[in-house]
Amino acid sequence: MSDARIAELVANAITHFDEDRYLLFAWCVMPNHVHVVFEAHEAIDQILHSWKSYTSKAANKVLSRDGEFWQQEYFDRTIRGTEDFSRTITYVLENPSRAGLQNWPWVRSYPERL
């Protein structure tokens, strides 16, 4: 996702079903991974399958290639309380700057929801 076209594609996929299938709090598309903090309104497996299926097909088309785009496994965790929530939001939002990415456009929070 170091290619801006792919990062934008992934960001658009993440935000597409916001307030329908899930409620987004913060997200960040990094060059080689993604962080998303959200409240699921359906099974997390279904949400992630939707993101990964759509974006892998679209990204491979843009890049004129085929094959695996995402790792099969993913890491998820449950937020346990307001301190954990706040710490996780900060981690996601600061991830690009910690990686040396200045003015990184593919990071967003929803302050009205925090």
C-alpha atoms as a PDB file:
ATOM      1  CA  MET A   1       0.000   0.000   0.000  1.00  0.00           C
ATOM      2  CA  SER A   2       2.978   2.230  -0.501  1.00  0.00           C
ATOM      3  CA  ASP A   3       1.376   2.930  -3.889  1.00  0.00           C
ATOM      4  CA  ALA A   4      -0.999   5.870  -3.340  1.00  0.00           C
ATOM      5  CA  ARG A   5      -3.606   4.308  -5.643  1.00  0.00           C
ATOM      6  CA  ILE A   6      -3.776   1.208  -3.462  1.00  0.00           C
ATOM      7  CA  ALA A   7      -3.731   3.115  -0.165  1.00  0.00           C
ATOM      8  CA  GLU A   8      -6.642   5.230  -1.396  1.00  0.00           C
ATOM      9  CA  LEU A   9      -8.525   2.124  -2.539  1.00  0.00           C
ATOM     10  CA  VAL A  10      -8.099   0.511   0.894  1.00  0.00           C
ATOM     11  CA  ALA A  11      -9.072   3.719   2.728  1.00  0.00           C
ATOM     12  CA  ASN A  12     -12.228   3.988   0.629  1.00  0.00           C
ATOM     13  CA  ALA A  13     -13.127   0.365   1.332  1.00  0.00           C
ATOM     14  CA  ILE A  14     -12.721   0.881   5.085  1.00  0.00           C
ATOM     15  CA  THR A  15     -14.966   3.933   5.116  1.00  0.00           C
ATOM     16  CA  HIS A  16     -17.576   2.646   2.657  1.00  0.00           C
ATOM     17  CA  PHE A  17     -19.861   0.848   5.136  1.00  0.00           C
ATOM     18  CA  ASP A  18     -19.222   3.132   8.118  1.00  0.00           C
ATOM     19  CA  GLU A  19     -22.414   3.582  10.165  1.00  0.00           C
ATOM     20  CA  ASP A  20     -23.976   0.594   8.389  1.00  0.00           C
ATOM     21  CA  ARG A  21     -21.924  -2.536   9.098  1.00  0.00           C
ATOM     22  CA  TYR A  22     -19.678  -0.892  11.710  1.00  0.00           C
ATOM     23  CA  LEU A  23     -18.929   2.398  13.408  1.00  0.00           C
ATOM     24  CA  LEU A  24     -15.420   3.734  12.774  1.00  0.00           C
ATOM     25  CA  PHE A  25     -13.459   5.506  15.491  1.00  0.00           C
ATOM     26  CA  ALA A  26     -10.011   5.667  13.857  1.00  0.00           C
ATOM     27  CA  TRP A  27      -8.078   4.023  11.051  1.00  0.00           C
ATOM     28  CA  CYS A  28      -4.697   4.162   9.394  1.00  0.00           C
ATOM     29  CA  VAL A  29      -3.518   2.605   6.128  1.00  0.00           C
ATOM     30  CA  MET A  30       0.223   2.036   6.377  1.00  0.00           C
ATOM     31  CA  PRO A  31       2.525   0.970   3.520  1.00  0.00           C
ATOM     32  CA  ASN A  32       2.377  -2.678   4.613  1.00  0.00           C
ATOM     33  CA  HIS A  33      -0.528  -3.018   7.067  1.00  0.00           C
ATOM     34  CA  VAL A  34      -3.746  -1.416   8.297  1.00  0.00           C
ATOM     35  CA  HIS A  35      -5.098  -0.426  11.726  1.00  0.00           C
ATOM     36  CA  VAL A  36      -8.827   0.059  12.276  1.00  0.00           C
ATOM     37  CA  VAL A  37     -10.656   0.802  15.526  1.00  0.00           C
ATOM     38  CA  PHE A  38     -14.345   0.148  15.083  1.00  0.00           C
ATOM     39  CA  GLU A  39     -17.501  -1.170  16.709  1.00  0.00           C
ATOM     40  CA  ALA A  40     -18.803  -4.096  14.671  1.00  0.00           C
ATOM     41  CA  HIS A  41     -22.493  -4.373  13.830  1.00  0.00           C
ATOM     42  CA  GLU A  42     -21.938  -7.821  12.292  1.00  0.00           C
ATOM     43  CA  ALA A  43     -19.309 -10.545  12.613  1.00  0.00           C
ATOM     44  CA  ILE A  44     -15.756  -9.220  12.394  1.00  0.00           C
ATOM     45  CA  ASP A  45     -14.852 -12.082  10.057  1.00  0.00           C
ATOM     46  CA  GLN A  46     -17.499 -10.891   7.590  1.00  0.00           C
ATOM     47  CA  ILE A  47     -16.311  -7.295   7.736  1.00  0.00           C
ATOM     48  CA  LEU A  48     -12.673  -8.214   7.213  1.00  0.00           C
ATOM     49  CA  HIS A  49     -13.526 -10.678   4.456  1.00  0.00           C
ATOM     50  CA  SER A  50     -15.422  -7.915   2.659  1.00  0.00           C
ATOM     51  CA  TRP A  51     -12.511  -5.464   2.945  1.00  0.00           C
ATOM     52  CA  LYS A  52      -9.878  -8.006   1.992  1.00  0.00           C
ATOM     53  CA  SER A  53     -11.815  -9.594  -0.865  1.00  0.00           C
ATOM     54  CA  TYR A  54     -12.756  -6.322  -2.541  1.00  0.00           C
ATOM     55  CA  THR A  55      -9.391  -4.618  -2.070  1.00  0.00           C
ATOM     56  CA  SER A  56      -7.297  -7.597  -3.129  1.00  0.00           C
ATOM     57  CA  LYS A  57      -9.196  -7.935  -6.418  1.00  0.00           C
ATOM     58  CA  ALA A  58      -9.164  -4.183  -7.066  1.00  0.00           C
ATOM     59  CA  ALA A  59      -5.502  -3.744  -6.098  1.00  0.00           C
ATOM     60  CA  ASN A  60      -4.391  -6.665  -8.244  1.00  0.00           C
ATOM     61  CA  LYS A  61      -6.303  -5.173 -11.180  1.00  0.00           C
ATOM     62  CA  VAL A  62      -4.676  -1.750 -10.681  1.00  0.00           C
ATOM     63  CA  LEU A  63      -1.250  -3.381 -10.389  1.00  0.00           C
ATOM     64  CA  SER A  64      -1.850  -5.738 -13.353  1.00  0.00           C
ATOM     65  CA  ARG A  65      -1.093  -8.812 -11.279  1.00  0.00           C
ATOM     66  CA  ASP A  66      -2.832 -11.682  -9.551  1.00  0.00           C
ATOM     67  CA  GLY A  67      -2.308 -13.792  -6.474  1.00  0.00           C
ATOM     68  CA  GLU A  68      -2.357 -13.145  -2.758  1.00  0.00           C
ATOM     69  CA  PHE A  69      -2.545  -9.556  -1.615  1.00  0.00           C
ATOM     70  CA  TRP A  70      -3.372  -9.899   2.101  1.00  0.00           C
ATOM     71  CA  GLN A  71      -2.126 -12.393   4.643  1.00  0.00           C
ATOM     72  CA  GLN A  72      -4.852 -14.882   5.450  1.00  0.00           C
ATOM     73  CA  GLU A  73      -4.679 -14.254   9.192  1.00  0.00           C
ATOM     74  CA  TYR A  74      -5.355 -11.011  11.003  1.00  0.00           C
ATOM     75  CA  PHE A  75      -4.856  -9.726  14.527  1.00  0.00           C
ATOM     76  CA  ASP A  76      -7.798  -8.390  16.469  1.00  0.00           C
ATOM     77  CA  ARG A  77      -8.350  -7.523  20.066  1.00  0.00           C
ATOM     78  CA  THR A  78     -11.104  -6.357  22.350  1.00  0.00           C
ATOM     79  CA  ILE A  79     -10.886  -2.871  23.834  1.00  0.00           C
ATOM     80  CA  ARG A  80     -11.233  -3.102  27.610  1.00  0.00           C
ATOM     81  CA  GLY A  81     -12.295   0.230  29.049  1.00  0.00           C
ATOM     82  CA  THR A  82     -11.881   3.906  28.324  1.00  0.00           C
ATOM     83  CA  GLU A  83      -8.138   4.038  29.042  1.00  0.00           C
ATOM     84  CA  ASP A  84      -7.477   1.145  26.653  1.00  0.00           C
ATOM     85  CA  PHE A  85      -9.714   2.795  24.042  1.00  0.00           C
ATOM     86  CA  SER A  86      -7.885   6.124  24.331  1.00  0.00           C
ATOM     87  CA  ARG A  87      -4.464   4.442  24.221  1.00  0.00           C
ATOM     88  CA  THR A  88      -5.451   2.425  21.129  1.00  0.00           C
ATOM     89  CA  ILE A  89      -6.793   5.481  19.281  1.00  0.00           C
ATOM     90  CA  THR A  90      -3.550   7.348  20.017  1.00  0.00           C
ATOM     91  CA  TYR A  91      -1.481   4.381  18.824  1.00  0.00           C
ATOM     92  CA  VAL A  92      -3.380   4.174  15.517  1.00  0.00           C
ATOM     93  CA  LEU A  93      -3.260   7.908  14.834  1.00  0.00           C
ATOM     94  CA  GLU A  94       0.439   8.233  15.681  1.00  0.00           C
ATOM     95  CA  ASN A  95       1.499   5.107  13.778  1.00  0.00           C
ATOM     96  CA  PRO A  96       2.519   6.948  10.573  1.00  0.00           C
ATOM     97  CA  SER A  97       4.662   9.549  12.347  1.00  0.00           C
ATOM     98  CA  ARG A  98       6.360   6.846  14.441  1.00  0.00           C
ATOM     99  CA  ALA A  99       7.231   5.134  11.144  1.00  0.00           C
ATOM    100  CA  GLY A 100       8.707   8.368   9.764  1.00  0.00           C
ATOM    101  CA  LEU A 101       5.822   9.103   7.396  1.00  0.00           C
ATOM    102  CA  GLN A 102       5.276  12.855   7.353  1.00  0.00           C
ATOM    103  CA  ASN A 103       1.904  14.340   6.330  1.00  0.00           C
ATOM    104  CA  TRP A 104       0.547  10.838   5.766  1.00  0.00           C
ATOM    105  CA  PRO A 105      -2.911  11.246   4.175  1.00  0.00           C
ATOM    106  CA  TRP A 106      -4.380   7.823   4.999  1.00  0.00           C
ATOM    107  CA  VAL A 107      -5.127   8.278   8.681  1.00  0.00           C
ATOM    108  CA  ARG A 108      -8.345   9.521  10.228  1.00  0.00           C
ATOM    109  CA  SER A 109     -10.273   9.739  13.464  1.00  0.00           C
ATOM    110  CA  TYR A 110     -13.842  10.734  14.207  1.00  0.00           C
ATOM    111  CA  PRO A 111     -13.555  13.069  17.233  1.00  0.00           C
ATOM    112  CA  GLU A 112     -17.338  13.381  17.549  1.00  0.00           C
ATOM    113  CA  ARG A 113     -17.460   9.626  18.254  1.00  0.00           C
ATOM    114  CA  LEU A 114     -14.615   9.441  20.740  1.00  0.00           C
END
